Amino acid sequence: MKGRAMFRRARVLAAVAIVVGGSAAGVASAVAKGSSVRIGDNFFSPKSVSIKHGATVTWHWTGKSDHNVTLTQAPKHVKQFISKTQIKGTYSHKFTTKGAYTIVCTVHANMVMHITVH
């Protein structure tokens, strides 16, 4: 009886994982070790990422307009950072403090993204 109950519980948990994350593997990988973000003309893609503490995010410029990566909100004691304003290239930042971050392009106020560090 115990074996059957454990098997049923495992099936239910797997079903919940599939509904919530798309697959059981998707739930385990929802928090990434690092992330890549594309900067196009007036957008960040993806608009939000979840990463592990100590992970690096790299932004890649792909559009035809100038953009930058500017930290506007972060946990206490985190130093603000800003990339060069540029049309192509990359910029990377390592996130060493857990919490919620807001990133904007100061050239285009509607370009906003969020990073959650676990």
PDB file of N, CA and C in Angstrom:
ATOM      1  N   MET A   1       0.804  -1.187   0.000  1.00  0.00           N
ATOM      2  CA  MET A   1       0.000   0.000   0.000  1.00  0.00           C
ATOM      3  C   MET A   1       0.855   1.263   0.000  1.00  0.00           C
ATOM      4  N   LYS A   2       1.929   1.266   0.784  1.00  0.00           N
ATOM      5  CA  LYS A   2       2.798   2.430   0.831  1.00  0.00           C
ATOM      6  C   LYS A   2       3.392   2.729  -0.537  1.00  0.00           C
ATOM      7  N   GLY A   3       3.814   1.694  -1.247  1.00  0.00           N
ATOM      8  CA  GLY A   3       4.416   1.859  -2.569  1.00  0.00           C
ATOM      9  C   GLY A   3       3.452   2.500  -3.544  1.00  0.00           C
ATOM     10  N   ARG A   4       2.203   2.060  -3.537  1.00  0.00           N
ATOM     11  CA  ARG A   4       1.186   2.636  -4.430  1.00  0.00           C
ATOM     12  C   ARG A   4       0.926   4.095  -4.093  1.00  0.00           C
ATOM     13  N   ALA A   5       0.821   4.414  -2.825  1.00  0.00           N
ATOM     14  CA  ALA A   5       0.562   5.793  -2.402  1.00  0.00           C
ATOM     15  C   ALA A   5       1.711   6.709  -2.829  1.00  0.00           C
ATOM     16  N   MET A   6       2.938   6.243  -2.679  1.00  0.00           N
ATOM     17  CA  MET A   6       4.096   7.046  -3.092  1.00  0.00           C
ATOM     18  C   MET A   6       4.103   7.228  -4.603  1.00  0.00           C
ATOM     19  N   PHE A   7       3.738   6.170  -5.337  1.00  0.00           N
ATOM     20  CA  PHE A   7       3.688   6.251  -6.797  1.00  0.00           C
ATOM     21  C   PHE A   7       2.634   7.269  -7.236  1.00  0.00           C
ATOM     22  N   ARG A   8       1.449   7.222  -6.606  1.00  0.00           N
ATOM     23  CA  ARG A   8       0.387   8.183  -6.933  1.00  0.00           C
ATOM     24  C   ARG A   8       0.830   9.605  -6.634  1.00  0.00           C
ATOM     25  N   ARG A   9       1.460   9.812  -5.488  1.00  0.00           N
ATOM     26  CA  ARG A   9       1.938  11.146  -5.112  1.00  0.00           C
ATOM     27  C   ARG A   9       2.965  11.651  -6.127  1.00  0.00           C
ATOM     28  N   ALA A  10       3.865  10.787  -6.562  1.00  0.00           N
ATOM     29  CA  ALA A  10       4.870  11.172  -7.553  1.00  0.00           C
ATOM     30  C   ALA A  10       4.209  11.556  -8.871  1.00  0.00           C
ATOM     31  N   ARG A  11       3.181  10.804  -9.281  1.00  0.00           N
ATOM     32  CA  ARG A  11       2.465  11.132 -10.530  1.00  0.00           C
ATOM     33  C   ARG A  11       1.766  12.475 -10.419  1.00  0.00           C
ATOM     34  N   VAL A  12       1.154  12.747  -9.273  1.00  0.00           N
ATOM     35  CA  VAL A  12       0.464  14.028  -9.078  1.00  0.00           C
ATOM     36  C   VAL A  12       1.475  15.176  -9.127  1.00  0.00           C
ATOM     37  N   LEU A  13       2.588  15.019  -8.440  1.00  0.00           N
ATOM     38  CA  LEU A  13       3.618  16.067  -8.452  1.00  0.00           C
ATOM     39  C   LEU A  13       4.168  16.298  -9.851  1.00  0.00           C
ATOM     40  N   ALA A  14       4.365  15.228 -10.609  1.00  0.00           N
ATOM     41  CA  ALA A  14       4.844  15.370 -11.990  1.00  0.00           C
ATOM     42  C   ALA A  14       3.810  16.097 -12.833  1.00  0.00           C
ATOM     43  N   ALA A  15       2.538  15.800 -12.642  1.00  0.00           N
ATOM     44  CA  ALA A  15       1.478  16.472 -13.396  1.00  0.00           C
ATOM     45  C   ALA A  15       1.435  17.958 -13.063  1.00  0.00           C
ATOM     46  N   VAL A  16       1.571  18.289 -11.785  1.00  0.00           N
ATOM     47  CA  VAL A  16       1.593  19.694 -11.383  1.00  0.00           C
ATOM     48  C   VAL A  16       2.795  20.396 -12.015  1.00  0.00           C
ATOM     49  N   ALA A  17       3.945  19.762 -12.022  1.00  0.00           N
ATOM     50  CA  ALA A  17       5.136  20.353 -12.628  1.00  0.00           C
ATOM     51  C   ALA A  17       4.930  20.622 -14.106  1.00  0.00           C
ATOM     52  N   ILE A  18       4.277  19.712 -14.801  1.00  0.00           N
ATOM     53  CA  ILE A  18       4.029  19.882 -16.233  1.00  0.00           C
ATOM     54  C   ILE A  18       3.067  21.036 -16.470  1.00  0.00           C
ATOM     55  N   VAL A  19       2.023  21.142 -15.662  1.00  0.00           N
ATOM     56  CA  VAL A  19       1.067  22.236 -15.824  1.00  0.00           C
ATOM     57  C   VAL A  19       1.725  23.572 -15.540  1.00  0.00           C
ATOM     58  N   VAL A  20       2.509  23.661 -14.488  1.00  0.00           N
ATOM     59  CA  VAL A  20       3.132  24.918 -14.098  1.00  0.00           C
ATOM     60  C   VAL A  20       4.284  25.285 -15.007  1.00  0.00           C
ATOM     61  N   GLY A  21       5.160  24.369 -15.316  1.00  0.00           N
ATOM     62  CA  GLY A  21       6.365  24.721 -16.042  1.00  0.00           C
ATOM     63  C   GLY A  21       6.453  24.222 -17.456  1.00  0.00           C
ATOM     64  N   GLY A  22       5.489  23.533 -17.940  1.00  0.00           N
ATOM     65  CA  GLY A  22       5.533  23.021 -19.292  1.00  0.00           C
ATOM     66  C   GLY A  22       6.133  21.634 -19.367  1.00  0.00           C
ATOM     67  N   SER A  23       6.999  21.296 -18.441  1.00  0.00           N
ATOM     68  CA  SER A  23       7.564  19.953 -18.351  1.00  0.00           C
ATOM     69  C   SER A  23       8.247  19.818 -17.007  1.00  0.00           C
ATOM     70  N   ALA A  24       8.446  18.603 -16.591  1.00  0.00           N
ATOM     71  CA  ALA A  24       9.130  18.391 -15.321  1.00  0.00           C
ATOM     72  C   ALA A  24      10.538  18.951 -15.391  1.00  0.00           C
ATOM     73  N   ALA A  25      11.214  18.820 -16.538  1.00  0.00           N
ATOM     74  CA  ALA A  25      12.564  19.371 -16.707  1.00  0.00           C
ATOM     75  C   ALA A  25      12.532  20.887 -16.696  1.00  0.00           C
ATOM     76  N   GLY A  26      11.458  21.497 -17.208  1.00  0.00           N
ATOM     77  CA  GLY A  26      11.334  22.950 -17.245  1.00  0.00           C
ATOM     78  C   GLY A  26      11.306  23.562 -15.865  1.00  0.00           C
ATOM     79  N   VAL A  27      10.692  22.877 -14.912  1.00  0.00           N
ATOM     80  CA  VAL A  27      10.640  23.387 -13.555  1.00  0.00           C
ATOM     81  C   VAL A  27      12.034  23.427 -12.958  1.00  0.00           C
ATOM     82  N   ALA A  28      12.804  22.393 -13.173  1.00  0.00           N
ATOM     83  CA  ALA A  28      14.149  22.341 -12.605  1.00  0.00           C
ATOM     84  C   ALA A  28      15.052  23.394 -13.218  1.00  0.00           C
ATOM     85  N   SER A  29      14.837  23.773 -14.495  1.00  0.00           N
ATOM     86  CA  SER A  29      15.729  24.712 -15.151  1.00  0.00           C
ATOM     87  C   SER A  29      15.169  26.123 -15.208  1.00  0.00           C
ATOM     88  N   ALA A  30      14.104  26.420 -14.465  1.00  0.00           N
ATOM     89  CA  ALA A  30      13.498  27.744 -14.503  1.00  0.00           C
ATOM     90  C   ALA A  30      14.454  28.812 -14.001  1.00  0.00           C
ATOM     91  N   VAL A  31      15.330  28.485 -13.079  1.00  0.00           N
ATOM     92  CA  VAL A  31      16.325  29.422 -12.578  1.00  0.00           C
ATOM     93  C   VAL A  31      17.643  29.062 -13.242  1.00  0.00           C
ATOM     94  N   ALA A  32      18.123  29.955 -14.100  1.00  0.00           N
ATOM     95  CA  ALA A  32      19.294  29.665 -14.917  1.00  0.00           C
ATOM     96  C   ALA A  32      20.599  30.035 -14.226  1.00  0.00           C
ATOM     97  N   LYS A  33      21.669  29.414 -14.688  1.00  0.00           N
ATOM     98  CA  LYS A  33      23.013  29.727 -14.196  1.00  0.00           C
ATOM     99  C   LYS A  33      23.531  31.011 -14.835  1.00  0.00           C
ATOM    100  N   GLY A  34      22.904  31.452 -15.889  1.00  0.00           N
ATOM    101  CA  GLY A  34      23.260  32.671 -16.597  1.00  0.00           C
ATOM    102  C   GLY A  34      22.199  32.933 -17.639  1.00  0.00           C
ATOM    103  N   SER A  35      22.293  34.069 -18.288  1.00  0.00           N
ATOM    104  CA  SER A  35      21.261  34.380 -19.261  1.00  0.00           C
ATOM    105  C   SER A  35      21.809  35.283 -20.345  1.00  0.00           C
ATOM    106  N   SER A  36      21.184  35.194 -21.506  1.00  0.00           N
ATOM    107  CA  SER A  36      21.523  36.024 -22.645  1.00  0.00           C
ATOM    108  C   SER A  36      20.285  36.832 -23.006  1.00  0.00           C
ATOM    109  N   VAL A  37      20.450  38.146 -23.169  1.00  0.00           N
ATOM    110  CA  VAL A  37      19.333  39.033 -23.480  1.00  0.00           C
ATOM    111  C   VAL A  37      19.657  39.776 -24.769  1.00  0.00           C
ATOM    112  N   ARG A  38      18.703  39.801 -25.657  1.00  0.00           N
ATOM    113  CA  ARG A  38      18.859  40.513 -26.920  1.00  0.00           C
ATOM    114  C   ARG A  38      18.324  41.925 -26.773  1.00  0.00           C
ATOM    115  N   ILE A  39      19.066  42.905 -27.287  1.00  0.00           N
ATOM    116  CA  ILE A  39      18.598  44.288 -27.317  1.00  0.00           C
ATOM    117  C   ILE A  39      18.334  44.629 -28.774  1.00  0.00           C
ATOM    118  N   GLY A  40      17.050  44.812 -29.095  1.00  0.00           N
ATOM    119  CA  GLY A  40      16.664  45.193 -30.442  1.00  0.00           C
ATOM    120  C   GLY A  40      16.216  46.633 -30.444  1.00  0.00           C
ATOM    121  N   ASP A  41      15.596  47.034 -31.521  1.00  0.00           N
ATOM    122  CA  ASP A  41      15.116  48.409 -31.586  1.00  0.00           C
ATOM    123  C   ASP A  41      13.900  48.564 -30.689  1.00  0.00           C
ATOM    124  N   ASN A  42      14.170  49.137 -29.521  1.00  0.00           N
ATOM    125  CA  ASN A  42      13.175  49.464 -28.500  1.00  0.00           C
ATOM    126  C   ASN A  42      12.624  48.274 -27.731  1.00  0.00           C
ATOM    127  N   PHE A  43      13.428  47.216 -27.542  1.00  0.00           N
ATOM    128  CA  PHE A  43      12.981  46.106 -26.706  1.00  0.00           C
ATOM    129  C   PHE A  43      14.165  45.320 -26.150  1.00  0.00           C
ATOM    130  N   PHE A  44      13.923  44.689 -24.992  1.00  0.00           N
ATOM    131  CA  PHE A  44      14.789  43.670 -24.433  1.00  0.00           C
ATOM    132  C   PHE A  44      14.070  42.343 -24.649  1.00  0.00           C
ATOM    133  N   SER A  45      14.802  41.314 -25.002  1.00  0.00           N
ATOM    134  CA  SER A  45      14.181  39.999 -25.171  1.00  0.00           C
ATOM    135  C   SER A  45      15.099  38.928 -24.591  1.00  0.00           C
ATOM    136  N   PRO A  46      14.657  38.253 -23.535  1.00  0.00           N
ATOM    137  CA  PRO A  46      13.355  38.341 -22.889  1.00  0.00           C
ATOM    138  C   PRO A  46      13.262  39.578 -21.998  1.00  0.00           C
ATOM    139  N   LYS A  47      12.027  39.898 -21.574  1.00  0.00           N
ATOM    140  CA  LYS A  47      11.789  41.064 -20.718  1.00  0.00           C
ATOM    141  C   LYS A  47      12.053  40.759 -19.253  1.00  0.00           C
ATOM    142  N   SER A  48      12.129  39.482 -18.901  1.00  0.00           N
ATOM    143  CA  SER A  48      12.456  39.113 -17.522  1.00  0.00           C
ATOM    144  C   SER A  48      13.218  37.792 -17.522  1.00  0.00           C
ATOM    145  N   VAL A  49      14.151  37.704 -16.582  1.00  0.00           N
ATOM    146  CA  VAL A  49      14.928  36.474 -16.414  1.00  0.00           C
ATOM    147  C   VAL A  49      15.076  36.176 -14.931  1.00  0.00           C
ATOM    148  N   SER A  50      15.206  34.898 -14.621  1.00  0.00           N
ATOM    149  CA  SER A  50      15.500  34.438 -13.263  1.00  0.00           C
ATOM    150  C   SER A  50      16.810  33.689 -13.321  1.00  0.00           C
ATOM    151  N   ILE A  51      17.754  34.110 -12.480  1.00  0.00           N
ATOM    152  CA  ILE A  51      19.080  33.505 -12.495  1.00  0.00           C
ATOM    153  C   ILE A  51      19.511  33.130 -11.086  1.00  0.00           C
ATOM    154  N   LYS A  52      20.512  32.292 -11.024  1.00  0.00           N
ATOM    155  CA  LYS A  52      21.091  31.910  -9.741  1.00  0.00           C
ATOM    156  C   LYS A  52      22.047  33.000  -9.268  1.00  0.00           C
ATOM    157  N   HIS A  53      22.184  33.100  -7.964  1.00  0.00           N
ATOM    158  CA  HIS A  53      23.144  34.001  -7.328  1.00  0.00           C
ATOM    159  C   HIS A  53      24.542  33.735  -7.896  1.00  0.00           C
ATOM    160  N   GLY A  54      25.232  34.764  -8.342  1.00  0.00           N
ATOM    161  CA  GLY A  54      26.570  34.611  -8.907  1.00  0.00           C
ATOM    162  C   GLY A  54      26.585  34.425 -10.417  1.00  0.00           C
ATOM    163  N   ALA A  55      25.413  34.375 -11.040  1.00  0.00           N
ATOM    164  CA  ALA A  55      25.327  34.179 -12.491  1.00  0.00           C
ATOM    165  C   ALA A  55      25.556  35.497 -13.234  1.00  0.00           C
ATOM    166  N   THR A  56      25.883  35.366 -14.509  1.00  0.00           N
ATOM    167  CA  THR A  56      26.143  36.518 -15.361  1.00  0.00           C
ATOM    168  C   THR A  56      25.062  36.638 -16.425  1.00  0.00           C
ATOM    169  N   VAL A  57      24.624  37.874 -16.663  1.00  0.00           N
ATOM    170  CA  VAL A  57      23.711  38.172 -17.761  1.00  0.00           C
ATOM    171  C   VAL A  57      24.514  38.915 -18.814  1.00  0.00           C
ATOM    172  N   THR A  58      24.360  38.500 -20.073  1.00  0.00           N
ATOM    173  CA  THR A  58      25.034  39.163 -21.192  1.00  0.00           C
ATOM    174  C   THR A  58      23.975  39.713 -22.139  1.00  0.00           C
ATOM    175  N   TRP A  59      24.079  41.001 -22.422  1.00  0.00           N
ATOM    176  CA  TRP A  59      23.183  41.663 -23.364  1.00  0.00           C
ATOM    177  C   TRP A  59      23.885  41.748 -24.711  1.00  0.00           C
ATOM    178  N   HIS A  60      23.130  41.454 -25.788  1.00  0.00           N
ATOM    179  CA  HIS A  60      23.655  41.469 -27.152  1.00  0.00           C
ATOM    180  C   HIS A  60      22.855  42.487 -27.977  1.00  0.00           C
ATOM    181  N   TRP A  61      23.536  43.481 -28.530  1.00  0.00           N
ATOM    182  CA  TRP A  61      22.872  44.477 -29.360  1.00  0.00           C
ATOM    183  C   TRP A  61      22.610  43.882 -30.739  1.00  0.00           C
ATOM    184  N   THR A  62      21.356  44.017 -31.220  1.00  0.00           N
ATOM    185  CA  THR A  62      20.990  43.469 -32.528  1.00  0.00           C
ATOM    186  C   THR A  62      20.253  44.480 -33.401  1.00  0.00           C
ATOM    187  N   GLY A  63      19.888  45.619 -32.855  1.00  0.00           N
ATOM    188  CA  GLY A  63      19.092  46.588 -33.604  1.00  0.00           C
ATOM    189  C   GLY A  63      19.946  47.600 -34.351  1.00  0.00           C
ATOM    190  N   LYS A  64      19.297  48.633 -34.840  1.00  0.00           N
ATOM    191  CA  LYS A  64      19.965  49.683 -35.611  1.00  0.00           C
ATOM    192  C   LYS A  64      20.047  50.995 -34.850  1.00  0.00           C
ATOM    193  N   SER A  65      19.498  51.043 -33.636  1.00  0.00           N
ATOM    194  CA  SER A  65      19.498  52.263 -32.828  1.00  0.00           C
ATOM    195  C   SER A  65      20.436  52.123 -31.634  1.00  0.00           C
ATOM    196  N   ASP A  66      20.861  53.259 -31.100  1.00  0.00           N
ATOM    197  CA  ASP A  66      21.661  53.284 -29.881  1.00  0.00           C
ATOM    198  C   ASP A  66      20.815  52.852 -28.682  1.00  0.00           C
ATOM    199  N   HIS A  67      21.414  52.039 -27.806  1.00  0.00           N
ATOM    200  CA  HIS A  67      20.770  51.618 -26.566  1.00  0.00           C
ATOM    201  C   HIS A  67      21.833  51.453 -25.487  1.00  0.00           C
ATOM    202  N   ASN A  68      21.374  51.406 -24.235  1.00  0.00           N
ATOM    203  CA  ASN A  68      22.274  51.078 -23.131  1.00  0.00           C
ATOM    204  C   ASN A  68      21.534  50.202 -22.134  1.00  0.00           C
ATOM    205  N   VAL A  69      22.278  49.700 -21.182  1.00  0.00           N
ATOM    206  CA  VAL A  69      21.753  48.853 -20.112  1.00  0.00           C
ATOM    207  C   VAL A  69      22.045  49.588 -18.811  1.00  0.00           C
ATOM    208  N   THR A  70      20.987  50.026 -18.134  1.00  0.00           N
ATOM    209  CA  THR A  70      21.150  50.839 -16.927  1.00  0.00           C
ATOM    210  C   THR A  70      20.356  50.242 -15.779  1.00  0.00           C
ATOM    211  N   LEU A  71      21.023  49.998 -14.663  1.00  0.00           N
ATOM    212  CA  LEU A  71      20.356  49.511 -13.461  1.00  0.00           C
ATOM    213  C   LEU A  71      19.643  50.678 -12.794  1.00  0.00           C
ATOM    214  N   THR A  72      18.320  50.537 -12.570  1.00  0.00           N
ATOM    215  CA  THR A  72      17.567  51.615 -11.914  1.00  0.00           C
ATOM    216  C   THR A  72      17.028  51.217 -10.548  1.00  0.00           C
ATOM    217  N   GLN A  73      16.774  49.918 -10.325  1.00  0.00           N
ATOM    218  CA  GLN A  73      16.315  49.451  -9.017  1.00  0.00           C
ATOM    219  C   GLN A  73      17.023  48.156  -8.689  1.00  0.00           C
ATOM    220  N   ALA A  74      17.459  48.054  -7.414  1.00  0.00           N
ATOM    221  CA  ALA A  74      18.208  46.877  -6.981  1.00  0.00           C
ATOM    222  C   ALA A  74      18.115  46.744  -5.467  1.00  0.00           C
ATOM    223  N   PRO A  75      18.520  45.597  -4.935  1.00  0.00           N
ATOM    224  CA  PRO A  75      18.587  45.455  -3.478  1.00  0.00           C
ATOM    225  C   PRO A  75      19.558  46.479  -2.885  1.00  0.00           C
ATOM    226  N   LYS A  76      19.389  46.751  -1.598  1.00  0.00           N
ATOM    227  CA  LYS A  76      20.276  47.698  -0.905  1.00  0.00           C
ATOM    228  C   LYS A  76      21.737  47.304  -1.082  1.00  0.00           C
ATOM    229  N   HIS A  77      22.591  48.301  -1.129  1.00  0.00           N
ATOM    230  CA  HIS A  77      24.042  48.153  -1.181  1.00  0.00           C
ATOM    231  C   HIS A  77      24.565  47.616  -2.518  1.00  0.00           C
ATOM    232  N   VAL A  78      23.721  47.555  -3.534  1.00  0.00           N
ATOM    233  CA  VAL A  78      24.184  47.141  -4.858  1.00  0.00           C
ATOM    234  C   VAL A  78      24.547  48.404  -5.622  1.00  0.00           C
ATOM    235  N   LYS A  79      25.757  48.402  -6.189  1.00  0.00           N
ATOM    236  CA  LYS A  79      26.234  49.554  -6.956  1.00  0.00           C
ATOM    237  C   LYS A  79      25.519  49.630  -8.297  1.00  0.00           C
ATOM    238  N   GLN A  80      25.119  50.838  -8.672  1.00  0.00           N
ATOM    239  CA  GLN A  80      24.478  51.017  -9.975  1.00  0.00           C
ATOM    240  C   GLN A  80      25.494  50.743 -11.076  1.00  0.00           C
ATOM    241  N   PHE A  81      25.016  50.203 -12.187  1.00  0.00           N
ATOM    242  CA  PHE A  81      25.878  50.014 -13.347  1.00  0.00           C
ATOM    243  C   PHE A  81      25.179  50.527 -14.590  1.00  0.00           C
ATOM    244  N   ILE A  82      25.968  50.902 -15.570  1.00  0.00           N
ATOM    245  CA  ILE A  82      25.446  51.354 -16.852  1.00  0.00           C
ATOM    246  C   ILE A  82      26.450  50.967 -17.933  1.00  0.00           C
ATOM    247  N   SER A  83      25.923  50.448 -19.024  1.00  0.00           N
ATOM    248  CA  SER A  83      26.795  50.106 -20.150  1.00  0.00           C
ATOM    249  C   SER A  83      27.035  51.353 -20.984  1.00  0.00           C
ATOM    250  N   LYS A  84      27.931  51.246 -21.951  1.00  0.00           N
ATOM    251  CA  LYS A  84      28.078  52.304 -22.942  1.00  0.00           C
ATOM    252  C   LYS A  84      26.795  52.352 -23.764  1.00  0.00           C
ATOM    253  N   THR A  85      26.475  53.509 -24.298  1.00  0.00           N
ATOM    254  CA  THR A  85      25.392  53.604 -25.274  1.00  0.00           C
ATOM    255  C   THR A  85      26.013  53.228 -26.604  1.00  0.00           C
ATOM    256  N   GLN A  86      25.457  52.190 -27.230  1.00  0.00           N
ATOM    257  CA  GLN A  86      26.078  51.637 -28.433  1.00  0.00           C
ATOM    258  C   GLN A  86      25.036  51.031 -29.362  1.00  0.00           C
ATOM    259  N   ILE A  87      25.452  50.727 -30.589  1.00  0.00           N
ATOM    260  CA  ILE A  87      24.570  50.123 -31.590  1.00  0.00           C
ATOM    261  C   ILE A  87      24.822  48.626 -31.699  1.00  0.00           C
ATOM    262  N   LYS A  88      26.074  48.193 -31.533  1.00  0.00           N
ATOM    263  CA  LYS A  88      26.367  46.760 -31.583  1.00  0.00           C
ATOM    264  C   LYS A  88      27.395  46.415 -30.523  1.00  0.00           C
ATOM    265  N   GLY A  89      27.487  45.132 -30.255  1.00  0.00           N
ATOM    266  CA  GLY A  89      28.410  44.660 -29.235  1.00  0.00           C
ATOM    267  C   GLY A  89      27.681  43.917 -28.138  1.00  0.00           C
ATOM    268  N   THR A  90      28.365  43.750 -27.018  1.00  0.00           N
ATOM    269  CA  THR A  90      27.791  43.058 -25.864  1.00  0.00           C
ATOM    270  C   THR A  90      28.174  43.791 -24.590  1.00  0.00           C
ATOM    271  N   TYR A  91      27.446  43.483 -23.527  1.00  0.00           N
ATOM    272  CA  TYR A  91      27.750  43.966 -22.195  1.00  0.00           C
ATOM    273  C   TYR A  91      27.349  42.864 -21.226  1.00  0.00           C
ATOM    274  N   SER A  92      28.199  42.562 -20.257  1.00  0.00           N
ATOM    275  CA  SER A  92      27.914  41.508 -19.271  1.00  0.00           C
ATOM    276  C   SER A  92      28.009  42.066 -17.866  1.00  0.00           C
ATOM    277  N   HIS A  93      27.183  41.502 -16.985  1.00  0.00           N
ATOM    278  CA  HIS A  93      27.237  41.869 -15.574  1.00  0.00           C
ATOM    279  C   HIS A  93      26.973  40.622 -14.738  1.00  0.00           C
ATOM    280  N   LYS A  94      27.799  40.427 -13.710  1.00  0.00           N
ATOM    281  CA  LYS A  94      27.635  39.314 -12.778  1.00  0.00           C
ATOM    282  C   LYS A  94      26.806  39.793 -11.588  1.00  0.00           C
ATOM    283  N   PHE A  95      25.752  39.058 -11.261  1.00  0.00           N
ATOM    284  CA  PHE A  95      24.841  39.419 -10.175  1.00  0.00           C
ATOM    285  C   PHE A  95      25.196  38.618  -8.936  1.00  0.00           C
ATOM    286  N   THR A  96      25.735  39.303  -7.919  1.00  0.00           N
ATOM    287  CA  THR A  96      26.225  38.628  -6.720  1.00  0.00           C
ATOM    288  C   THR A  96      25.319  38.814  -5.503  1.00  0.00           C
ATOM    289  N   THR A  97      24.262  39.603  -5.656  1.00  0.00           N
ATOM    290  CA  THR A  97      23.331  39.830  -4.549  1.00  0.00           C
ATOM    291  C   THR A  97      21.936  39.365  -4.947  1.00  0.00           C
ATOM    292  N   LYS A  98      21.321  38.551  -4.096  1.00  0.00           N
ATOM    293  CA  LYS A  98      19.977  38.051  -4.357  1.00  0.00           C
ATOM    294  C   LYS A  98      18.970  39.193  -4.279  1.00  0.00           C
ATOM    295  N   GLY A  99      17.916  39.088  -5.112  1.00  0.00           N
ATOM    296  CA  GLY A  99      16.864  40.095  -5.071  1.00  0.00           C
ATOM    297  C   GLY A  99      16.313  40.418  -6.442  1.00  0.00           C
ATOM    298  N   ALA A 100      15.532  41.498  -6.481  1.00  0.00           N
ATOM    299  CA  ALA A 100      14.879  41.938  -7.714  1.00  0.00           C
ATOM    300  C   ALA A 100      15.595  43.165  -8.279  1.00  0.00           C
ATOM    301  N   TYR A 101      15.795  43.156  -9.594  1.00  0.00           N
ATOM    302  CA  TYR A 101      16.487  44.228 -10.290  1.00  0.00           C
ATOM    303  C   TYR A 101      15.623  44.734 -11.441  1.00  0.00           C
ATOM    304  N   THR A 102      15.686  46.041 -11.699  1.00  0.00           N
ATOM    305  CA  THR A 102      15.033  46.626 -12.865  1.00  0.00           C
ATOM    306  C   THR A 102      16.107  47.259 -13.734  1.00  0.00           C
ATOM    307  N   ILE A 103      16.061  46.929 -15.015  1.00  0.00           N
ATOM    308  CA  ILE A 103      17.025  47.430 -15.999  1.00  0.00           C
ATOM    309  C   ILE A 103      16.243  48.232 -17.036  1.00  0.00           C
ATOM    310  N   VAL A 104      16.787  49.376 -17.449  1.00  0.00           N
ATOM    311  CA  VAL A 104      16.166  50.184 -18.495  1.00  0.00           C
ATOM    312  C   VAL A 104      17.223  50.616 -19.497  1.00  0.00           C
ATOM    313  N   CYS A 105      16.739  51.077 -20.646  1.00  0.00           N
ATOM    314  CA  CYS A 105      17.568  51.798 -21.607  1.00  0.00           C
ATOM    315  C   CYS A 105      17.219  53.262 -21.408  1.00  0.00           C
ATOM    316  N   THR A 106      18.170  54.099 -21.026  1.00  0.00           N
ATOM    317  CA  THR A 106      17.858  55.502 -20.751  1.00  0.00           C
ATOM    318  C   THR A 106      17.588  56.293 -22.032  1.00  0.00           C
ATOM    319  N   VAL A 107      17.936  55.723 -23.179  1.00  0.00           N
ATOM    320  CA  VAL A 107      17.659  56.384 -24.456  1.00  0.00           C
ATOM    321  C   VAL A 107      16.176  56.203 -24.821  1.00  0.00           C
ATOM    322  N   HIS A 108      15.600  55.074 -24.446  1.00  0.00           N
ATOM    323  CA  HIS A 108      14.210  54.747 -24.775  1.00  0.00           C
ATOM    324  C   HIS A 108      13.495  54.329 -23.484  1.00  0.00           C
ATOM    325  N   ALA A 109      12.747  55.228 -22.898  1.00  0.00           N
ATOM    326  CA  ALA A 109      12.130  55.006 -21.587  1.00  0.00           C
ATOM    327  C   ALA A 109      11.198  53.791 -21.540  1.00  0.00           C
ATOM    328  N   ASN A 110      10.658  53.374 -22.691  1.00  0.00           N
ATOM    329  CA  ASN A 110       9.745  52.223 -22.691  1.00  0.00           C
ATOM    330  C   ASN A 110      10.478  50.888 -22.671  1.00  0.00           C
ATOM    331  N   MET A 111      11.798  50.889 -22.744  1.00  0.00           N
ATOM    332  CA  MET A 111      12.577  49.647 -22.693  1.00  0.00           C
ATOM    333  C   MET A 111      12.901  49.317 -21.244  1.00  0.00           C
ATOM    334  N   VAL A 112      12.199  48.333 -20.699  1.00  0.00           N
ATOM    335  CA  VAL A 112      12.356  47.934 -19.299  1.00  0.00           C
ATOM    336  C   VAL A 112      12.431  46.424 -19.235  1.00  0.00           C
ATOM    337  N   MET A 113      13.293  45.908 -18.367  1.00  0.00           N
ATOM    338  CA  MET A 113      13.336  44.474 -18.111  1.00  0.00           C
ATOM    339  C   MET A 113      13.580  44.235 -16.631  1.00  0.00           C
ATOM    340  N   HIS A 114      13.274  43.013 -16.188  1.00  0.00           N
ATOM    341  CA  HIS A 114      13.410  42.651 -14.776  1.00  0.00           C
ATOM    342  C   HIS A 114      14.261  41.397 -14.640  1.00  0.00           C
ATOM    343  N   ILE A 115      15.092  41.406 -13.610  1.00  0.00           N
ATOM    344  CA  ILE A 115      15.946  40.255 -13.310  1.00  0.00           C
ATOM    345  C   ILE A 115      15.708  39.864 -11.866  1.00  0.00           C
ATOM    346  N   THR A 116      15.472  38.571 -11.649  1.00  0.00           N
ATOM    347  CA  THR A 116      15.329  38.053 -10.291  1.00  0.00           C
ATOM    348  C   THR A 116      16.516  37.139 -10.046  1.00  0.00           C
ATOM    349  N   VAL A 117      17.235  37.423  -8.959  1.00  0.00           N
ATOM    350  CA  VAL A 117      18.408  36.637  -8.585  1.00  0.00           C
ATOM    351  C   VAL A 117      18.054  35.802  -7.366  1.00  0.00           C
ATOM    352  N   HIS A 118      18.175  34.470  -7.502  1.00  0.00           N
ATOM    353  CA  HIS A 118      17.818  33.536  -6.417  1.00  0.00           C
ATOM    354  C   HIS A 118      19.066  33.068  -5.691  1.00  0.00           C
TER     355      HIS A 118
END
